[in-house]
Amino acid sequence: MKKEFVVKSIDAAPDGAPYVVVSLSSIKDLKEGVGAPQSPFGGPKVMGFSNMNDMMKDLNKMLSGAGGFGMQSGITQLKLEMHEYKEMGLSVGDKVFLELTKEETLGV
């Protein structure tokens, strides 16, 4: 299976390790407008609370409603080592192909 993507963002490793996280958006999603930038928390919301329990309930609703902290739908992320990233010369907006193949095993 071969899919076409566009590089949406390239971020440094969150832990400072020598790798980068490349976020890819499907060409199909971009054409349909699904890949529009969105906050990981959904739309802007103002949450009022009067005590700590209400605040925690609202916070849990907000995080679970967005699919978890930092989760974005329609995004494929790859972790590349620095030398792989430099060899490929990737930039935001580049068109890339991702190919998945299943290993064929004979016998058991």
PDB file of N, CA and C in Angstrom:
ATOM      1  N   MET A   1       0.856  -1.170   0.000  1.00  0.00           N
ATOM      2  CA  MET A   1       0.000   0.000   0.000  1.00  0.00           C
ATOM      3  C   MET A   1       0.904   1.235   0.000  1.00  0.00           C
ATOM      4  N   LYS A   2       0.584   2.165  -0.852  1.00  0.00           N
ATOM      5  CA  LYS A   2       1.368   3.394  -0.970  1.00  0.00           C
ATOM      6  C   LYS A   2       0.419   4.574  -0.829  1.00  0.00           C
ATOM      7  N   LYS A   3       0.749   5.512   0.094  1.00  0.00           N
ATOM      8  CA  LYS A   3      -0.095   6.687   0.317  1.00  0.00           C
ATOM      9  C   LYS A   3       0.721   7.955   0.119  1.00  0.00           C
ATOM     10  N   GLU A   4       0.018   8.993  -0.305  1.00  0.00           N
ATOM     11  CA  GLU A   4       0.641  10.289  -0.564  1.00  0.00           C
ATOM     12  C   GLU A   4       0.312  11.244   0.585  1.00  0.00           C
ATOM     13  N   PHE A   5       1.332  11.946   1.081  1.00  0.00           N
ATOM     14  CA  PHE A   5       1.172  12.885   2.186  1.00  0.00           C
ATOM     15  C   PHE A   5       1.887  14.193   1.869  1.00  0.00           C
ATOM     16  N   VAL A   6       1.572  15.212   2.674  1.00  0.00           N
ATOM     17  CA  VAL A   6       2.288  16.484   2.642  1.00  0.00           C
ATOM     18  C   VAL A   6       2.858  16.706   4.037  1.00  0.00           C
ATOM     19  N   VAL A   7       4.108  17.165   4.110  1.00  0.00           N
ATOM     20  CA  VAL A   7       4.738  17.439   5.400  1.00  0.00           C
ATOM     21  C   VAL A   7       4.056  18.655   6.012  1.00  0.00           C
ATOM     22  N   LYS A   8       3.428  18.452   7.163  1.00  0.00           N
ATOM     23  CA  LYS A   8       2.685  19.526   7.824  1.00  0.00           C
ATOM     24  C   LYS A   8       3.565  20.289   8.810  1.00  0.00           C
ATOM     25  N   SER A   9       4.391  19.558   9.558  1.00  0.00           N
ATOM     26  CA  SER A   9       5.301  20.225  10.493  1.00  0.00           C
ATOM     27  C   SER A   9       6.487  19.320  10.783  1.00  0.00           C
ATOM     28  N   ILE A  10       7.575  19.936  11.210  1.00  0.00           N
ATOM     29  CA  ILE A  10       8.781  19.219  11.612  1.00  0.00           C
ATOM     30  C   ILE A  10       9.178  19.794  12.961  1.00  0.00           C
ATOM     31  N   ASP A  11       9.169  18.944  13.986  1.00  0.00           N
ATOM     32  CA  ASP A  11       9.429  19.399  15.350  1.00  0.00           C
ATOM     33  C   ASP A  11      10.624  18.669  15.943  1.00  0.00           C
ATOM     34  N   ALA A  12      11.339  19.368  16.815  1.00  0.00           N
ATOM     35  CA  ALA A  12      12.440  18.748  17.550  1.00  0.00           C
ATOM     36  C   ALA A  12      11.867  17.741  18.538  1.00  0.00           C
ATOM     37  N   ALA A  13      12.684  16.794  18.928  1.00  0.00           N
ATOM     38  CA  ALA A  13      12.254  15.790  19.902  1.00  0.00           C
ATOM     39  C   ALA A  13      11.888  16.481  21.207  1.00  0.00           C
ATOM     40  N   PRO A  14      10.748  16.107  21.806  1.00  0.00           N
ATOM     41  CA  PRO A  14      10.333  16.761  23.046  1.00  0.00           C
ATOM     42  C   PRO A  14      11.299  16.528  24.201  1.00  0.00           C
ATOM     43  N   ASP A  15      12.066  15.432  24.155  1.00  0.00           N
ATOM     44  CA  ASP A  15      12.997  15.138  25.247  1.00  0.00           C
ATOM     45  C   ASP A  15      14.429  15.573  24.934  1.00  0.00           C
ATOM     46  N   GLY A  16      14.618  16.272  23.822  1.00  0.00           N
ATOM     47  CA  GLY A  16      15.940  16.769  23.462  1.00  0.00           C
ATOM     48  C   GLY A  16      16.833  15.722  22.815  1.00  0.00           C
ATOM     49  N   ALA A  17      16.298  14.540  22.511  1.00  0.00           N
ATOM     50  CA  ALA A  17      17.073  13.476  21.876  1.00  0.00           C
ATOM     51  C   ALA A  17      17.385  13.861  20.425  1.00  0.00           C
ATOM     52  N   PRO A  18      18.376  13.200  19.817  1.00  0.00           N
ATOM     53  CA  PRO A  18      18.774  13.563  18.446  1.00  0.00           C
ATOM     54  C   PRO A  18      17.854  12.986  17.369  1.00  0.00           C
ATOM     55  N   TYR A  19      16.607  13.349  17.407  1.00  0.00           N
ATOM     56  CA  TYR A  19      15.675  12.964  16.354  1.00  0.00           C
ATOM     57  C   TYR A  19      14.638  14.054  16.179  1.00  0.00           C
ATOM     58  N   VAL A  20      13.878  13.983  15.080  1.00  0.00           N
ATOM     59  CA  VAL A  20      12.810  14.945  14.821  1.00  0.00           C
ATOM     60  C   VAL A  20      11.506  14.186  14.617  1.00  0.00           C
ATOM     61  N   VAL A  21      10.398  14.861  14.883  1.00  0.00           N
ATOM     62  CA  VAL A  21       9.075  14.292  14.661  1.00  0.00           C
ATOM     63  C   VAL A  21       8.483  15.007  13.448  1.00  0.00           C
ATOM     64  N   VAL A  22       8.230  14.236  12.395  1.00  0.00           N
ATOM     65  CA  VAL A  22       7.678  14.779  11.155  1.00  0.00           C
ATOM     66  C   VAL A  22       6.194  14.453  11.124  1.00  0.00           C
ATOM     67  N   SER A  23       5.348  15.477  11.047  1.00  0.00           N
ATOM     68  CA  SER A  23       3.897  15.294  10.981  1.00  0.00           C
ATOM     69  C   SER A  23       3.452  15.388   9.533  1.00  0.00           C
ATOM     70  N   LEU A  24       2.680  14.381   9.112  1.00  0.00           N
ATOM     71  CA  LEU A  24       2.215  14.303   7.729  1.00  0.00           C
ATOM     72  C   LEU A  24       0.705  14.400   7.675  1.00  0.00           C
ATOM     73  N   SER A  25       0.200  15.080   6.665  1.00  0.00           N
ATOM     74  CA  SER A  25      -1.239  15.177   6.413  1.00  0.00           C
ATOM     75  C   SER A  25      -1.526  14.544   5.068  1.00  0.00           C
ATOM     76  N   SER A  26      -2.599  13.784   5.004  1.00  0.00           N
ATOM     77  CA  SER A  26      -2.989  13.137   3.759  1.00  0.00           C
ATOM     78  C   SER A  26      -3.379  14.192   2.726  1.00  0.00           C
ATOM     79  N   ILE A  27      -2.986  13.974   1.480  1.00  0.00           N
ATOM     80  CA  ILE A  27      -3.369  14.880   0.384  1.00  0.00           C
ATOM     81  C   ILE A  27      -4.889  14.962   0.313  1.00  0.00           C
ATOM     82  N   LYS A  28      -5.543  13.826   0.472  1.00  0.00           N
ATOM     83  CA  LYS A  28      -7.007  13.764   0.412  1.00  0.00           C
ATOM     84  C   LYS A  28      -7.630  14.648   1.494  1.00  0.00           C
ATOM     85  N   ASP A  29      -7.078  14.581   2.730  1.00  0.00           N
ATOM     86  CA  ASP A  29      -7.598  15.402   3.823  1.00  0.00           C
ATOM     87  C   ASP A  29      -7.404  16.886   3.546  1.00  0.00           C
ATOM     88  N   LEU A  30      -6.265  17.247   2.971  1.00  0.00           N
ATOM     89  CA  LEU A  30      -6.007  18.659   2.673  1.00  0.00           C
ATOM     90  C   LEU A  30      -6.974  19.184   1.623  1.00  0.00           C
ATOM     91  N   LYS A  31      -7.271  18.371   0.610  1.00  0.00           N
ATOM     92  CA  LYS A  31      -8.201  18.795  -0.433  1.00  0.00           C
ATOM     93  C   LYS A  31      -9.611  18.963   0.116  1.00  0.00           C
ATOM     94  N   GLU A  32      -9.969  18.131   1.119  1.00  0.00           N
ATOM     95  CA  GLU A  32     -11.303  18.209   1.717  1.00  0.00           C
ATOM     96  C   GLU A  32     -11.383  19.263   2.809  1.00  0.00           C
ATOM     97  N   GLY A  33     -10.248  19.856   3.179  1.00  0.00           N
ATOM     98  CA  GLY A  33     -10.252  20.883   4.213  1.00  0.00           C
ATOM     99  C   GLY A  33     -10.157  20.336   5.616  1.00  0.00           C
ATOM    100  N   VAL A  34      -9.923  19.022   5.757  1.00  0.00           N
ATOM    101  CA  VAL A  34      -9.832  18.420   7.087  1.00  0.00           C
ATOM    102  C   VAL A  34      -8.533  18.804   7.764  1.00  0.00           C
ATOM    103  N   GLY A  35      -7.495  19.057   6.992  1.00  0.00           N
ATOM    104  CA  GLY A  35      -6.185  19.332   7.551  1.00  0.00           C
ATOM    105  C   GLY A  35      -5.995  20.759   8.022  1.00  0.00           C
ATOM    106  N   ALA A  36      -7.062  21.525   8.158  1.00  0.00           N
ATOM    107  CA  ALA A  36      -6.939  22.909   8.614  1.00  0.00           C
ATOM    108  C   ALA A  36      -6.377  22.935  10.026  1.00  0.00           C
ATOM    109  N   PRO A  37      -5.508  23.890  10.324  1.00  0.00           N
ATOM    110  CA  PRO A  37      -4.920  23.945  11.654  1.00  0.00           C
ATOM    111  C   PRO A  37      -5.991  24.100  12.725  1.00  0.00           C
ATOM    112  N   GLN A  38      -5.873  23.265  13.742  1.00  0.00           N
ATOM    113  CA  GLN A  38      -6.806  23.321  14.854  1.00  0.00           C
ATOM    114  C   GLN A  38      -6.033  23.186  16.146  1.00  0.00           C
ATOM    115  N   SER A  39      -6.583  23.742  17.185  1.00  0.00           N
ATOM    116  CA  SER A  39      -6.007  23.562  18.499  1.00  0.00           C
ATOM    117  C   SER A  39      -6.226  22.123  18.933  1.00  0.00           C
ATOM    118  N   PRO A  40      -5.265  21.501  19.626  1.00  0.00           N
ATOM    119  CA  PRO A  40      -5.479  20.138  20.097  1.00  0.00           C
ATOM    120  C   PRO A  40      -6.615  20.046  21.109  1.00  0.00           C
ATOM    121  N   PHE A  41      -7.085  21.188  21.617  1.00  0.00           N
ATOM    122  CA  PHE A  41      -8.174  21.200  22.587  1.00  0.00           C
ATOM    123  C   PHE A  41      -9.518  21.500  21.946  1.00  0.00           C
ATOM    124  N   GLY A  42      -9.604  21.511  20.622  1.00  0.00           N
ATOM    125  CA  GLY A  42     -10.865  21.822  19.953  1.00  0.00           C
ATOM    126  C   GLY A  42     -11.013  23.323  19.815  1.00  0.00           C
ATOM    127  N   GLY A  43     -12.259  23.769  19.688  1.00  0.00           N
ATOM    128  CA  GLY A  43     -12.527  25.195  19.532  1.00  0.00           C
ATOM    129  C   GLY A  43     -12.289  25.956  20.818  1.00  0.00           C
ATOM    130  N   PRO A  44     -12.216  27.278  20.731  1.00  0.00           N
ATOM    131  CA  PRO A  44     -12.003  28.064  21.940  1.00  0.00           C
ATOM    132  C   PRO A  44     -13.199  27.958  22.874  1.00  0.00           C
ATOM    133  N   LYS A  45     -12.911  27.642  24.126  1.00  0.00           N
ATOM    134  CA  LYS A  45     -13.974  27.502  25.116  1.00  0.00           C
ATOM    135  C   LYS A  45     -13.540  28.196  26.400  1.00  0.00           C
ATOM    136  N   VAL A  46     -14.484  28.785  27.066  1.00  0.00           N
ATOM    137  CA  VAL A  46     -14.221  29.389  28.360  1.00  0.00           C
ATOM    138  C   VAL A  46     -14.927  28.538  29.391  1.00  0.00           C
ATOM    139  N   MET A  47     -14.174  28.074  30.373  1.00  0.00           N
ATOM    140  CA  MET A  47     -14.759  27.210  31.390  1.00  0.00           C
ATOM    141  C   MET A  47     -14.777  27.947  32.719  1.00  0.00           C
ATOM    142  N   GLY A  48     -15.964  28.108  33.254  1.00  0.00           N
ATOM    143  CA  GLY A  48     -16.088  28.719  34.561  1.00  0.00           C
ATOM    144  C   GLY A  48     -16.236  27.647  35.620  1.00  0.00           C
ATOM    145  N   PHE A  49     -15.642  27.865  36.783  1.00  0.00           N
ATOM    146  CA  PHE A  49     -15.783  26.899  37.869  1.00  0.00           C
ATOM    147  C   PHE A  49     -15.745  27.643  39.191  1.00  0.00           C
ATOM    148  N   SER A  50     -16.391  27.028  40.191  1.00  0.00           N
ATOM    149  CA  SER A  50     -16.458  27.681  41.495  1.00  0.00           C
ATOM    150  C   SER A  50     -15.633  26.952  42.545  1.00  0.00           C
ATOM    151  N   ASN A  51     -15.234  25.704  42.270  1.00  0.00           N
ATOM    152  CA  ASN A  51     -14.372  24.994  43.216  1.00  0.00           C
ATOM    153  C   ASN A  51     -13.436  24.058  42.452  1.00  0.00           C
ATOM    154  N   MET A  52     -12.500  23.458  43.155  1.00  0.00           N
ATOM    155  CA  MET A  52     -11.496  22.601  42.517  1.00  0.00           C
ATOM    156  C   MET A  52     -12.113  21.369  41.861  1.00  0.00           C
ATOM    157  N   ASN A  53     -13.149  20.791  42.465  1.00  0.00           N
ATOM    158  CA  ASN A  53     -13.778  19.601  41.883  1.00  0.00           C
ATOM    159  C   ASN A  53     -14.375  19.920  40.515  1.00  0.00           C
ATOM    160  N   ASP A  54     -15.065  21.059  40.413  1.00  0.00           N
ATOM    161  CA  ASP A  54     -15.638  21.460  39.123  1.00  0.00           C
ATOM    162  C   ASP A  54     -14.541  21.678  38.084  1.00  0.00           C
ATOM    163  N   MET A  55     -13.447  22.289  38.524  1.00  0.00           N
ATOM    164  CA  MET A  55     -12.351  22.542  37.605  1.00  0.00           C
ATOM    165  C   MET A  55     -11.782  21.222  37.069  1.00  0.00           C
ATOM    166  N   MET A  56     -11.581  20.230  37.938  1.00  0.00           N
ATOM    167  CA  MET A  56     -11.021  18.948  37.509  1.00  0.00           C
ATOM    168  C   MET A  56     -11.975  18.211  36.573  1.00  0.00           C
ATOM    169  N   LYS A  57     -13.280  18.276  36.864  1.00  0.00           N
ATOM    170  CA  LYS A  57     -14.261  17.630  35.980  1.00  0.00           C
ATOM    171  C   LYS A  57     -14.227  18.276  34.594  1.00  0.00           C
ATOM    172  N   ASP A  58     -14.193  19.605  34.551  1.00  0.00           N
ATOM    173  CA  ASP A  58     -14.154  20.316  33.271  1.00  0.00           C
ATOM    174  C   ASP A  58     -12.858  20.024  32.518  1.00  0.00           C
ATOM    175  N   LEU A  59     -11.753  19.957  33.251  1.00  0.00           N
ATOM    176  CA  LEU A  59     -10.468  19.671  32.625  1.00  0.00           C
ATOM    177  C   LEU A  59     -10.472  18.267  32.013  1.00  0.00           C
ATOM    178  N   ASN A  60     -11.004  17.290  32.748  1.00  0.00           N
ATOM    179  CA  ASN A  60     -11.083  15.923  32.219  1.00  0.00           C
ATOM    180  C   ASN A  60     -11.972  15.856  30.986  1.00  0.00           C
ATOM    181  N   LYS A  61     -13.105  16.574  30.998  1.00  0.00           N
ATOM    182  CA  LYS A  61     -13.998  16.589  29.835  1.00  0.00           C
ATOM    183  C   LYS A  61     -13.287  17.186  28.627  1.00  0.00           C
ATOM    184  N   MET A  62     -12.557  18.271  28.862  1.00  0.00           N
ATOM    185  CA  MET A  62     -11.870  18.947  27.773  1.00  0.00           C
ATOM    186  C   MET A  62     -10.811  18.030  27.158  1.00  0.00           C
ATOM    187  N   LEU A  63     -10.021  17.367  27.990  1.00  0.00           N
ATOM    188  CA  LEU A  63      -8.959  16.509  27.476  1.00  0.00           C
ATOM    189  C   LEU A  63      -9.504  15.264  26.795  1.00  0.00           C
ATOM    190  N   SER A  64     -10.503  14.633  27.381  1.00  0.00           N
ATOM    191  CA  SER A  64     -11.039  13.410  26.777  1.00  0.00           C
ATOM    192  C   SER A  64     -11.833  13.713  25.516  1.00  0.00           C
ATOM    193  N   GLY A  65     -12.458  14.849  25.439  1.00  0.00           N
ATOM    194  CA  GLY A  65     -13.226  15.223  24.252  1.00  0.00           C
ATOM    195  C   GLY A  65     -12.346  15.481  23.053  1.00  0.00           C
ATOM    196  N   ALA A  66     -11.090  15.815  23.277  1.00  0.00           N
ATOM    197  CA  ALA A  66     -10.169  16.087  22.170  1.00  0.00           C
ATOM    198  C   ALA A  66      -9.362  14.853  21.793  1.00  0.00           C
ATOM    199  N   GLY A  67      -9.709  13.687  22.355  1.00  0.00           N
ATOM    200  CA  GLY A  67      -8.968  12.476  22.041  1.00  0.00           C
ATOM    201  C   GLY A  67      -7.685  12.365  22.835  1.00  0.00           C
ATOM    202  N   GLY A  68      -7.556  13.132  23.892  1.00  0.00           N
ATOM    203  CA  GLY A  68      -6.352  13.091  24.706  1.00  0.00           C
ATOM    204  C   GLY A  68      -5.478  14.296  24.422  1.00  0.00           C
ATOM    205  N   PHE A  69      -4.573  14.580  25.316  1.00  0.00           N
ATOM    206  CA  PHE A  69      -3.711  15.748  25.194  1.00  0.00           C
ATOM    207  C   PHE A  69      -2.823  15.637  23.965  1.00  0.00           C
ATOM    208  N   GLY A  70      -2.859  16.635  23.137  1.00  0.00           N
ATOM    209  CA  GLY A  70      -1.974  16.720  21.995  1.00  0.00           C
ATOM    210  C   GLY A  70      -2.321  15.818  20.824  1.00  0.00           C
ATOM    211  N   MET A  71      -3.380  15.051  20.898  1.00  0.00           N
ATOM    212  CA  MET A  71      -3.741  14.155  19.801  1.00  0.00           C
ATOM    213  C   MET A  71      -4.485  14.945  18.730  1.00  0.00           C
ATOM    214  N   GLN A  72      -4.073  14.776  17.510  1.00  0.00           N
ATOM    215  CA  GLN A  72      -4.723  15.444  16.392  1.00  0.00           C
ATOM    216  C   GLN A  72      -5.215  14.380  15.433  1.00  0.00           C
ATOM    217  N   SER A  73      -6.432  14.506  14.996  1.00  0.00           N
ATOM    218  CA  SER A  73      -6.944  13.514  14.059  1.00  0.00           C
ATOM    219  C   SER A  73      -6.440  13.820  12.660  1.00  0.00           C
ATOM    220  N   GLY A  74      -6.278  12.773  11.864  1.00  0.00           N
ATOM    221  CA  GLY A  74      -5.856  12.957  10.487  1.00  0.00           C
ATOM    222  C   GLY A  74      -4.382  13.247  10.304  1.00  0.00           C
ATOM    223  N   ILE A  75      -3.586  13.104  11.349  1.00  0.00           N
ATOM    224  CA  ILE A  75      -2.159  13.388  11.278  1.00  0.00           C
ATOM    225  C   ILE A  75      -1.383  12.090  11.483  1.00  0.00           C
ATOM    226  N   THR A  76      -0.409  11.845  10.618  1.00  0.00           N
ATOM    227  CA  THR A  76       0.500  10.715  10.767  1.00  0.00           C
ATOM    228  C   THR A  76       1.847  11.284  11.175  1.00  0.00           C
ATOM    229  N   GLN A  77       2.431  10.744  12.246  1.00  0.00           N
ATOM    230  CA  GLN A  77       3.714  11.253  12.714  1.00  0.00           C
ATOM    231  C   GLN A  77       4.786  10.182  12.610  1.00  0.00           C
ATOM    232  N   LEU A  78       5.954  10.601  12.158  1.00  0.00           N
ATOM    233  CA  LEU A  78       7.106   9.721  12.044  1.00  0.00           C
ATOM    234  C   LEU A  78       8.258  10.289  12.856  1.00  0.00           C
ATOM    235  N   LYS A  79       8.975   9.408  13.517  1.00  0.00           N
ATOM    236  CA  LYS A  79      10.160   9.812  14.261  1.00  0.00           C
ATOM    237  C   LYS A  79      11.372   9.444  13.407  1.00  0.00           C
ATOM    238  N   LEU A  80      12.132  10.444  12.993  1.00  0.00           N
ATOM    239  CA  LEU A  80      13.312  10.227  12.158  1.00  0.00           C
ATOM    240  C   LEU A  80      14.567  10.628  12.918  1.00  0.00           C
ATOM    241  N   GLU A  81      15.609   9.821  12.780  1.00  0.00           N
ATOM    242  CA  GLU A  81      16.895  10.195  13.354  1.00  0.00           C
ATOM    243  C   GLU A  81      17.445  11.376  12.559  1.00  0.00           C
ATOM    244  N   MET A  82      18.307  12.152  13.197  1.00  0.00           N
ATOM    245  CA  MET A  82      18.812  13.374  12.561  1.00  0.00           C
ATOM    246  C   MET A  82      19.480  13.090  11.215  1.00  0.00           C
ATOM    247  N   HIS A  83      20.280  12.031  11.123  1.00  0.00           N
ATOM    248  CA  HIS A  83      20.958  11.761   9.847  1.00  0.00           C
ATOM    249  C   HIS A  83      19.954  11.387   8.755  1.00  0.00           C
ATOM    250  N   GLU A  84      18.857  10.697   9.109  1.00  0.00           N
ATOM    251  CA  GLU A  84      17.814  10.380   8.124  1.00  0.00           C
ATOM    252  C   GLU A  84      17.131  11.659   7.639  1.00  0.00           C
ATOM    253  N   TYR A  85      16.831  12.532   8.597  1.00  0.00           N
ATOM    254  CA  TYR A  85      16.171  13.804   8.279  1.00  0.00           C
ATOM    255  C   TYR A  85      17.050  14.652   7.353  1.00  0.00           C
ATOM    256  N   LYS A  86      18.343  14.740   7.673  1.00  0.00           N
ATOM    257  CA  LYS A  86      19.263  15.547   6.856  1.00  0.00           C
ATOM    258  C   LYS A  86      19.443  14.956   5.460  1.00  0.00           C
ATOM    259  N   GLU A  87      19.518  13.616   5.367  1.00  0.00           N
ATOM    260  CA  GLU A  87      19.675  12.962   4.061  1.00  0.00           C
ATOM    261  C   GLU A  87      18.478  13.236   3.155  1.00  0.00           C
ATOM    262  N   MET A  88      17.281  13.240   3.737  1.00  0.00           N
ATOM    263  CA  MET A  88      16.067  13.437   2.941  1.00  0.00           C
ATOM    264  C   MET A  88      15.853  14.896   2.576  1.00  0.00           C
ATOM    265  N   GLY A  89      16.351  15.814   3.391  1.00  0.00           N
ATOM    266  CA  GLY A  89      16.186  17.237   3.114  1.00  0.00           C
ATOM    267  C   GLY A  89      14.727  17.672   3.112  1.00  0.00           C
ATOM    268  N   LEU A  90      13.953  17.152   4.057  1.00  0.00           N
ATOM    269  CA  LEU A  90      12.519  17.465   4.116  1.00  0.00           C
ATOM    270  C   LEU A  90      12.262  18.898   4.545  1.00  0.00           C
ATOM    271  N   SER A  91      11.206  19.481   3.985  1.00  0.00           N
ATOM    272  CA  SER A  91      10.729  20.810   4.373  1.00  0.00           C
ATOM    273  C   SER A  91       9.214  20.756   4.501  1.00  0.00           C
ATOM    274  N   VAL A  92       8.650  21.674   5.275  1.00  0.00           N
ATOM    275  CA  VAL A  92       7.198  21.769   5.393  1.00  0.00           C
ATOM    276  C   VAL A  92       6.626  22.070   4.014  1.00  0.00           C
ATOM    277  N   GLY A  93       5.589  21.341   3.635  1.00  0.00           N
ATOM    278  CA  GLY A  93       4.958  21.516   2.335  1.00  0.00           C
ATOM    279  C   GLY A  93       5.414  20.510   1.287  1.00  0.00           C
ATOM    280  N   ASP A  94       6.490  19.765   1.577  1.00  0.00           N
ATOM    281  CA  ASP A  94       6.964  18.750   0.629  1.00  0.00           C
ATOM    282  C   ASP A  94       5.951  17.620   0.497  1.00  0.00           C
ATOM    283  N   LYS A  95       5.819  17.098  -0.715  1.00  0.00           N
ATOM    284  CA  LYS A  95       4.966  15.934  -0.959  1.00  0.00           C
ATOM    285  C   LYS A  95       5.826  14.689  -0.751  1.00  0.00           C
ATOM    286  N   VAL A  96       5.331  13.740   0.056  1.00  0.00           N
ATOM    287  CA  VAL A  96       6.066  12.507   0.331  1.00  0.00           C
ATOM    288  C   VAL A  96       5.138  11.306   0.160  1.00  0.00           C
ATOM    289  N   PHE A  97       5.733  10.150  -0.027  1.00  0.00           N
ATOM    290  CA  PHE A  97       4.980   8.906  -0.148  1.00  0.00           C
ATOM    291  C   PHE A  97       5.395   7.974   0.976  1.00  0.00           C
ATOM    292  N   LEU A  98       4.419   7.308   1.561  1.00  0.00           N
ATOM    293  CA  LEU A  98       4.664   6.334   2.617  1.00  0.00           C
ATOM    294  C   LEU A  98       4.185   4.990   2.095  1.00  0.00           C
ATOM    295  N   GLU A  99       5.092   4.022   2.063  1.00  0.00           N
ATOM    296  CA  GLU A  99       4.741   2.711   1.530  1.00  0.00           C
ATOM    297  C   GLU A  99       4.825   1.672   2.638  1.00  0.00           C
ATOM    298  N   LEU A 100       3.743   0.915   2.814  1.00  0.00           N
ATOM    299  CA  LEU A 100       3.690  -0.163   3.794  1.00  0.00           C
ATOM    300  C   LEU A 100       3.579  -1.484   3.057  1.00  0.00           C
ATOM    301  N   THR A 101       4.423  -2.421   3.444  1.00  0.00           N
ATOM    302  CA  THR A 101       4.342  -3.754   2.864  1.00  0.00           C
ATOM    303  C   THR A 101       4.380  -4.774   3.982  1.00  0.00           C
ATOM    304  N   LYS A 102       3.687  -5.852   3.786  1.00  0.00           N
ATOM    305  CA  LYS A 102       3.657  -6.931   4.766  1.00  0.00           C
ATOM    306  C   LYS A 102       4.656  -7.985   4.325  1.00  0.00           C
ATOM    307  N   GLU A 103       5.466  -8.438   5.255  1.00  0.00           N
ATOM    308  CA  GLU A 103       6.444  -9.463   4.943  1.00  0.00           C
ATOM    309  C   GLU A 103       5.727 -10.773   4.643  1.00  0.00           C
ATOM    310  N   GLU A 104       6.077 -11.361   3.529  1.00  0.00           N
ATOM    311  CA  GLU A 104       5.487 -12.644   3.143  1.00  0.00           C
ATOM    312  C   GLU A 104       6.336 -13.756   3.739  1.00  0.00           C
ATOM    313  N   THR A 105       5.717 -14.587   4.564  1.00  0.00           N
ATOM    314  CA  THR A 105       6.440 -15.706   5.158  1.00  0.00           C
ATOM    315  C   THR A 105       5.871 -17.006   4.630  1.00  0.00           C
ATOM    316  N   LEU A 106       6.736 -17.913   4.356  1.00  0.00           N
ATOM    317  CA  LEU A 106       6.321 -19.224   3.875  1.00  0.00           C
ATOM    318  C   LEU A 106       6.357 -20.208   5.035  1.00  0.00           C
ATOM    319  N   GLY A 107       5.419 -21.108   5.077  1.00  0.00           N
ATOM    320  CA  GLY A 107       5.380 -22.094   6.149  1.00  0.00           C
ATOM    321  C   GLY A 107       4.743 -21.529   7.391  1.00  0.00           C
ATOM    322  N   VAL A 108       5.243 -21.971   8.534  1.00  0.00           N
ATOM    323  CA  VAL A 108       4.629 -21.595   9.813  1.00  0.00           C
ATOM    324  C   VAL A 108       5.106 -20.247  10.255  1.00  0.00           C
TER     325      VAL A 108
END
